[in-house]
């Protein structure tokens, strides 16, 4: 009987953990973000935020190859990447749900905790900078 209870408890905890992460993801919507500041976003691009890797560690601005796709020409590319998503919406999904749209030729190695390590303002600032590339 104790074994069944333990299995049930573990399954329930896993289910609750899954719900929590889905709620965190759903709470960040592009339309709910504050207005972004591209200058502040440029600083965030090169800074380590709460010990997360810097964007510049994996994404170049000049087209040079790196671990992640270059951001050269990003604004135009992002606006066309996924039908029905603006460049800003696509970029938000790429930051908070990097597994949703993995660019061909790259692996899904982007950190997934940005909704926990960055404020909505920081995410908006970063998006504002990235889509100007």
N, C-alpha and C. Protein backbone atom coordinates (compact mmCIF):
# COMPACT_ATOMS: atom_id res chain seq x y z
N UNK A 1 0.82 -1.19 0.00
CA UNK A 1 0.00 0.00 0.00
C UNK A 1 0.86 1.26 0.00
N UNK A 2 1.93 1.29 0.78
CA UNK A 2 2.81 2.45 0.82
C UNK A 2 3.48 2.67 -0.54
N UNK A 3 3.82 1.59 -1.23
CA UNK A 3 4.44 1.69 -2.54
C UNK A 3 3.49 2.39 -3.52
N UNK A 4 2.22 2.04 -3.51
CA UNK A 4 1.24 2.66 -4.41
C UNK A 4 1.10 4.15 -4.10
N UNK A 5 1.08 4.48 -2.83
CA UNK A 5 0.97 5.89 -2.45
C UNK A 5 2.19 6.67 -2.93
N UNK A 6 3.36 6.09 -2.78
CA UNK A 6 4.58 6.76 -3.22
C UNK A 6 4.57 6.99 -4.73
N UNK A 7 4.17 5.99 -5.49
CA UNK A 7 4.08 6.13 -6.94
C UNK A 7 3.07 7.22 -7.30
N UNK A 8 1.92 7.20 -6.64
CA UNK A 8 0.88 8.21 -6.89
C UNK A 8 1.42 9.62 -6.58
N UNK A 9 2.13 9.77 -5.46
CA UNK A 9 2.66 11.06 -5.06
C UNK A 9 3.68 11.57 -6.08
N UNK A 10 4.54 10.69 -6.55
CA UNK A 10 5.54 11.09 -7.54
C UNK A 10 4.87 11.52 -8.84
N UNK A 11 3.88 10.77 -9.29
CA UNK A 11 3.17 11.12 -10.52
C UNK A 11 2.47 12.47 -10.37
N UNK A 12 1.85 12.72 -9.24
CA UNK A 12 1.15 13.99 -9.01
C UNK A 12 2.15 15.16 -8.99
N UNK A 13 3.30 14.97 -8.34
CA UNK A 13 4.30 16.03 -8.31
C UNK A 13 4.82 16.35 -9.70
N UNK A 14 5.03 15.33 -10.51
CA UNK A 14 5.49 15.54 -11.88
C UNK A 14 4.43 16.29 -12.69
N UNK A 15 3.17 15.93 -12.50
CA UNK A 15 2.09 16.61 -13.21
C UNK A 15 2.01 18.07 -12.80
N UNK A 16 2.13 18.34 -11.52
CA UNK A 16 2.09 19.72 -11.04
C UNK A 16 3.27 20.53 -11.55
N UNK A 17 4.43 19.93 -11.60
CA UNK A 17 5.60 20.62 -12.12
C UNK A 17 5.41 20.98 -13.59
N UNK A 18 4.82 20.08 -14.36
CA UNK A 18 4.54 20.35 -15.76
C UNK A 18 3.55 21.48 -15.93
N UNK A 19 2.54 21.54 -15.09
CA UNK A 19 1.56 22.61 -15.15
C UNK A 19 2.19 23.95 -14.81
N UNK A 20 3.05 23.96 -13.84
CA UNK A 20 3.68 25.22 -13.45
C UNK A 20 4.50 25.80 -14.59
N UNK A 21 5.27 24.97 -15.28
CA UNK A 21 6.08 25.50 -16.36
C UNK A 21 5.20 25.98 -17.52
N UNK A 22 4.10 25.30 -17.79
CA UNK A 22 3.19 25.74 -18.84
C UNK A 22 2.56 27.08 -18.48
N UNK A 23 2.24 27.27 -17.21
CA UNK A 23 1.67 28.54 -16.78
C UNK A 23 2.71 29.65 -16.93
N UNK A 24 3.96 29.38 -16.56
CA UNK A 24 5.01 30.38 -16.70
C UNK A 24 5.16 30.79 -18.16
N UNK A 25 5.16 29.82 -19.06
CA UNK A 25 5.29 30.10 -20.48
C UNK A 25 4.11 30.92 -20.98
N UNK A 26 2.90 30.52 -20.58
CA UNK A 26 1.69 31.17 -21.06
C UNK A 26 1.57 32.59 -20.53
N UNK A 27 2.19 32.88 -19.38
CA UNK A 27 2.04 34.21 -18.78
C UNK A 27 2.81 35.27 -19.55
N UNK A 28 3.75 34.88 -20.38
CA UNK A 28 4.52 35.85 -21.15
C UNK A 28 3.95 35.89 -22.56
N UNK A 29 3.19 36.93 -22.84
CA UNK A 29 2.65 37.14 -24.17
C UNK A 29 3.21 38.43 -24.74
N UNK A 30 3.48 38.45 -26.02
CA UNK A 30 4.09 39.62 -26.63
C UNK A 30 3.26 40.87 -26.38
N UNK A 31 1.94 40.72 -26.48
CA UNK A 31 1.06 41.88 -26.28
C UNK A 31 1.08 42.38 -24.84
N UNK A 32 1.56 41.57 -23.90
CA UNK A 32 1.62 41.97 -22.49
C UNK A 32 2.97 42.57 -22.09
N UNK A 33 3.93 42.53 -22.99
CA UNK A 33 5.26 43.07 -22.65
C UNK A 33 5.24 44.59 -22.66
N UNK A 34 6.06 45.21 -21.82
CA UNK A 34 6.21 46.67 -21.88
C UNK A 34 6.94 47.07 -23.16
N UNK A 35 6.96 48.35 -23.46
CA UNK A 35 7.70 48.84 -24.62
C UNK A 35 9.18 48.62 -24.37
N UNK A 36 9.87 48.05 -25.35
CA UNK A 36 11.28 47.75 -25.21
C UNK A 36 12.17 48.92 -25.60
N UNK A 37 13.34 48.97 -24.98
CA UNK A 37 14.34 49.99 -25.25
C UNK A 37 15.51 49.31 -25.96
N UNK A 38 15.70 49.56 -27.26
CA UNK A 38 16.77 48.89 -28.00
C UNK A 38 18.17 49.14 -27.43
N UNK A 39 18.42 50.32 -26.89
CA UNK A 39 19.75 50.61 -26.32
C UNK A 39 20.02 49.73 -25.11
N UNK A 40 19.03 49.58 -24.27
CA UNK A 40 19.18 48.70 -23.11
C UNK A 40 19.28 47.24 -23.58
N UNK A 41 18.53 46.88 -24.62
CA UNK A 41 18.61 45.54 -25.18
C UNK A 41 19.99 45.21 -25.72
N UNK A 42 20.65 46.21 -26.30
CA UNK A 42 22.02 46.00 -26.80
C UNK A 42 22.96 45.67 -25.64
N UNK A 43 22.78 46.36 -24.52
CA UNK A 43 23.60 46.07 -23.34
C UNK A 43 23.31 44.66 -22.84
N UNK A 44 22.05 44.30 -22.79
CA UNK A 44 21.67 42.96 -22.31
C UNK A 44 22.23 41.86 -23.23
N UNK A 45 22.31 42.13 -24.52
CA UNK A 45 22.82 41.17 -25.50
C UNK A 45 24.25 40.73 -25.14
N UNK A 46 25.03 41.65 -24.58
CA UNK A 46 26.43 41.32 -24.26
C UNK A 46 26.66 41.05 -22.78
N UNK A 47 25.65 41.20 -21.94
CA UNK A 47 25.79 40.98 -20.49
C UNK A 47 25.32 39.59 -20.10
N UNK A 48 25.91 39.08 -19.04
CA UNK A 48 25.44 37.83 -18.44
C UNK A 48 24.33 38.21 -17.45
N UNK A 49 23.14 37.67 -17.64
CA UNK A 49 22.00 38.00 -16.80
C UNK A 49 21.72 36.82 -15.88
N UNK A 50 21.90 37.05 -14.59
CA UNK A 50 21.66 36.01 -13.59
C UNK A 50 22.35 34.70 -13.93
N UNK A 51 23.60 34.80 -14.34
CA UNK A 51 24.46 33.64 -14.64
C UNK A 51 24.04 32.85 -15.87
N UNK A 52 23.12 33.35 -16.65
CA UNK A 52 22.77 32.69 -17.91
C UNK A 52 23.82 33.08 -18.95
N UNK A 53 24.01 32.26 -19.99
CA UNK A 53 24.96 32.63 -21.05
C UNK A 53 24.53 33.95 -21.71
N UNK A 54 25.51 34.72 -22.16
CA UNK A 54 25.22 35.95 -22.90
C UNK A 54 24.68 35.58 -24.29
N UNK A 55 23.78 36.38 -24.81
CA UNK A 55 23.29 36.16 -26.18
C UNK A 55 24.48 36.14 -27.14
N UNK A 56 25.43 37.06 -26.89
CA UNK A 56 26.59 37.19 -27.77
C UNK A 56 27.52 35.98 -27.70
N UNK A 57 27.36 35.13 -26.70
CA UNK A 57 28.17 33.90 -26.63
C UNK A 57 27.83 32.95 -27.77
N UNK A 58 26.59 32.99 -28.22
CA UNK A 58 26.14 32.02 -29.24
C UNK A 58 25.65 32.65 -30.53
N UNK A 59 25.25 33.92 -30.49
CA UNK A 59 24.66 34.58 -31.67
C UNK A 59 25.51 35.77 -32.08
N UNK A 60 26.05 35.73 -33.30
CA UNK A 60 26.84 36.86 -33.81
C UNK A 60 25.90 37.91 -34.40
N UNK A 61 26.42 39.10 -34.58
CA UNK A 61 25.67 40.17 -35.25
C UNK A 61 26.18 40.40 -36.67
N UNK A 62 27.31 39.80 -37.00
CA UNK A 62 27.97 40.09 -38.28
C UNK A 62 27.90 38.96 -39.30
N UNK A 63 27.10 37.94 -39.02
CA UNK A 63 26.97 36.84 -39.96
C UNK A 63 27.95 35.71 -39.76
N UNK A 64 28.89 35.88 -38.85
CA UNK A 64 29.88 34.82 -38.63
C UNK A 64 29.22 33.62 -37.93
N UNK A 65 29.70 32.41 -38.27
CA UNK A 65 29.11 31.21 -37.69
C UNK A 65 29.36 31.14 -36.18
N UNK A 66 28.44 30.54 -35.48
CA UNK A 66 28.53 30.39 -34.04
C UNK A 66 27.65 29.21 -33.64
N UNK A 67 27.47 29.01 -32.34
CA UNK A 67 26.62 27.91 -31.86
C UNK A 67 25.17 28.10 -32.24
N UNK A 68 24.73 29.35 -32.27
CA UNK A 68 23.35 29.67 -32.64
C UNK A 68 23.34 30.46 -33.93
N UNK A 69 22.16 30.64 -34.52
CA UNK A 69 22.06 31.41 -35.76
C UNK A 69 22.54 32.85 -35.56
N UNK A 70 23.12 33.42 -36.61
CA UNK A 70 23.52 34.82 -36.55
C UNK A 70 22.28 35.71 -36.47
N UNK A 71 22.45 36.88 -35.94
CA UNK A 71 21.35 37.84 -35.86
C UNK A 71 21.46 38.89 -36.98
N UNK A 72 22.43 38.74 -37.85
CA UNK A 72 22.56 39.65 -38.98
C UNK A 72 21.32 39.53 -39.87
N UNK A 73 20.65 40.63 -40.13
CA UNK A 73 19.43 40.61 -40.93
C UNK A 73 18.23 40.00 -40.23
N UNK A 74 18.34 39.86 -38.92
CA UNK A 74 17.34 39.13 -38.14
C UNK A 74 15.93 39.70 -38.25
N UNK A 75 15.78 41.01 -38.15
CA UNK A 75 14.44 41.60 -38.15
C UNK A 75 13.62 41.18 -39.35
N UNK A 76 14.23 41.21 -40.51
CA UNK A 76 13.53 40.83 -41.73
C UNK A 76 13.27 39.32 -41.78
N UNK A 77 14.27 38.56 -41.39
CA UNK A 77 14.13 37.09 -41.40
C UNK A 77 13.07 36.64 -40.41
N UNK A 78 13.09 37.20 -39.20
CA UNK A 78 12.16 36.79 -38.14
C UNK A 78 10.71 37.07 -38.52
N UNK A 79 10.49 38.16 -39.25
CA UNK A 79 9.13 38.52 -39.66
C UNK A 79 8.54 37.52 -40.65
N UNK A 80 9.40 36.73 -41.29
CA UNK A 80 8.95 35.76 -42.28
C UNK A 80 9.13 34.32 -41.84
N UNK A 81 9.71 34.09 -40.67
CA UNK A 81 10.08 32.75 -40.24
C UNK A 81 8.86 31.84 -40.03
N UNK A 82 7.84 32.35 -39.33
CA UNK A 82 6.65 31.54 -39.03
C UNK A 82 5.41 32.33 -39.43
N UNK A 83 4.61 31.76 -40.32
CA UNK A 83 3.40 32.43 -40.79
C UNK A 83 2.51 32.80 -39.59
N UNK A 84 2.05 34.04 -39.61
CA UNK A 84 1.15 34.51 -38.57
C UNK A 84 1.83 35.13 -37.36
N UNK A 85 3.16 35.06 -37.31
CA UNK A 85 3.88 35.66 -36.18
C UNK A 85 4.70 36.86 -36.68
N UNK A 86 4.59 37.96 -35.95
CA UNK A 86 5.44 39.11 -36.26
C UNK A 86 6.86 38.80 -35.82
N UNK A 87 7.79 39.67 -36.20
CA UNK A 87 9.19 39.49 -35.77
C UNK A 87 9.27 39.49 -34.25
N UNK A 88 8.53 40.37 -33.60
CA UNK A 88 8.54 40.43 -32.14
C UNK A 88 7.97 39.18 -31.49
N UNK A 89 6.86 38.69 -32.03
CA UNK A 89 6.24 37.48 -31.48
C UNK A 89 7.16 36.27 -31.66
N UNK A 90 7.74 36.16 -32.85
CA UNK A 90 8.66 35.05 -33.12
C UNK A 90 9.86 35.11 -32.18
N UNK A 91 10.39 36.31 -31.97
CA UNK A 91 11.55 36.48 -31.11
C UNK A 91 11.22 36.12 -29.67
N UNK A 92 10.05 36.54 -29.20
CA UNK A 92 9.65 36.17 -27.84
C UNK A 92 9.58 34.65 -27.71
N UNK A 93 8.94 33.99 -28.67
CA UNK A 93 8.88 32.52 -28.61
C UNK A 93 10.27 31.92 -28.64
N UNK A 94 11.17 32.49 -29.41
CA UNK A 94 12.53 31.96 -29.50
C UNK A 94 13.28 32.10 -28.18
N UNK A 95 12.94 33.12 -27.40
CA UNK A 95 13.60 33.33 -26.11
C UNK A 95 12.98 32.46 -25.02
N UNK A 96 11.66 32.43 -24.94
CA UNK A 96 11.03 31.72 -23.82
C UNK A 96 10.65 30.27 -24.13
N UNK A 97 10.55 29.92 -25.42
CA UNK A 97 10.26 28.55 -25.84
C UNK A 97 11.18 28.18 -27.00
N UNK A 98 12.48 28.12 -26.76
CA UNK A 98 13.42 27.95 -27.87
C UNK A 98 13.24 26.65 -28.64
N UNK A 99 12.58 25.69 -28.09
CA UNK A 99 12.33 24.42 -28.78
C UNK A 99 11.21 24.54 -29.82
N UNK A 100 10.43 25.61 -29.78
CA UNK A 100 9.27 25.74 -30.66
C UNK A 100 9.65 25.89 -32.13
N UNK A 101 10.72 26.60 -32.41
CA UNK A 101 11.13 26.87 -33.79
C UNK A 101 12.66 26.83 -33.88
N UNK A 102 13.21 25.65 -34.01
CA UNK A 102 14.67 25.51 -34.10
C UNK A 102 15.08 25.73 -35.56
N UNK A 103 16.00 26.64 -35.77
CA UNK A 103 16.47 26.97 -37.11
C UNK A 103 17.23 25.78 -37.68
N UNK A 104 16.93 25.45 -38.92
CA UNK A 104 17.58 24.32 -39.59
C UNK A 104 19.09 24.48 -39.56
N UNK A 105 19.77 23.39 -39.23
CA UNK A 105 21.22 23.39 -39.16
C UNK A 105 21.76 23.65 -37.77
N UNK A 106 20.87 23.91 -36.80
CA UNK A 106 21.29 24.18 -35.43
C UNK A 106 20.59 23.22 -34.48
N UNK A 107 21.23 22.98 -33.35
CA UNK A 107 20.64 22.13 -32.31
C UNK A 107 19.94 23.01 -31.29
N UNK A 108 18.98 22.44 -30.61
CA UNK A 108 18.23 23.16 -29.58
C UNK A 108 19.04 23.13 -28.28
N UNK A 109 19.98 24.08 -28.16
CA UNK A 109 20.81 24.14 -26.95
C UNK A 109 20.58 25.43 -26.17
N UNK A 110 19.62 26.24 -26.61
CA UNK A 110 19.37 27.51 -25.94
C UNK A 110 18.77 27.27 -24.55
N UNK A 111 19.23 28.03 -23.55
CA UNK A 111 18.65 27.90 -22.21
C UNK A 111 17.15 28.17 -22.23
N UNK A 112 16.45 27.54 -21.31
CA UNK A 112 14.98 27.64 -21.29
C UNK A 112 14.45 28.36 -20.06
N UNK A 113 15.30 28.99 -19.29
CA UNK A 113 14.85 29.59 -18.03
C UNK A 113 14.74 31.11 -18.06
N UNK A 114 14.72 31.71 -19.23
CA UNK A 114 14.72 33.17 -19.30
C UNK A 114 13.50 33.80 -18.65
N UNK A 115 12.36 33.12 -18.62
CA UNK A 115 11.20 33.70 -17.93
C UNK A 115 11.43 33.75 -16.43
N UNK A 116 12.40 32.99 -15.94
CA UNK A 116 12.73 33.00 -14.51
C UNK A 116 13.92 33.90 -14.19
N UNK A 117 14.76 34.16 -15.17
CA UNK A 117 15.99 34.91 -14.90
C UNK A 117 15.96 36.34 -15.43
N UNK A 118 14.97 36.66 -16.26
CA UNK A 118 14.85 38.01 -16.81
C UNK A 118 13.47 38.57 -16.50
N UNK A 119 13.41 39.87 -16.33
CA UNK A 119 12.12 40.53 -16.14
C UNK A 119 11.44 40.69 -17.50
N UNK A 120 10.15 40.98 -17.48
CA UNK A 120 9.45 41.26 -18.73
C UNK A 120 10.08 42.46 -19.44
N UNK A 121 10.53 43.46 -18.67
CA UNK A 121 11.16 44.63 -19.28
C UNK A 121 12.47 44.24 -19.97
N UNK A 122 13.26 43.39 -19.33
CA UNK A 122 14.51 42.95 -19.95
C UNK A 122 14.24 42.17 -21.24
N UNK A 123 13.24 41.31 -21.21
CA UNK A 123 12.89 40.54 -22.41
C UNK A 123 12.44 41.50 -23.51
N UNK A 124 11.61 42.49 -23.17
CA UNK A 124 11.14 43.47 -24.16
C UNK A 124 12.31 44.27 -24.73
N UNK A 125 13.24 44.67 -23.87
CA UNK A 125 14.41 45.43 -24.33
C UNK A 125 15.26 44.60 -25.28
N UNK A 126 15.48 43.36 -24.92
CA UNK A 126 16.28 42.47 -25.76
C UNK A 126 15.61 42.27 -27.12
N UNK A 127 14.31 42.04 -27.13
CA UNK A 127 13.58 41.89 -28.39
C UNK A 127 13.70 43.16 -29.23
N UNK A 128 13.54 44.33 -28.59
CA UNK A 128 13.63 45.60 -29.32
C UNK A 128 14.98 45.75 -30.01
N UNK A 129 16.03 45.30 -29.35
CA UNK A 129 17.37 45.37 -29.97
C UNK A 129 17.51 44.33 -31.08
N UNK A 130 17.16 43.11 -30.80
CA UNK A 130 17.39 42.02 -31.75
C UNK A 130 16.66 42.26 -33.07
N UNK A 131 15.43 42.75 -33.01
CA UNK A 131 14.68 42.90 -34.27
C UNK A 131 15.17 44.10 -35.09
N UNK A 132 16.08 44.91 -34.54
CA UNK A 132 16.66 45.99 -35.34
C UNK A 132 17.89 45.52 -36.11
N UNK A 133 18.28 44.29 -35.93
CA UNK A 133 19.49 43.77 -36.58
C UNK A 133 19.19 43.39 -38.02
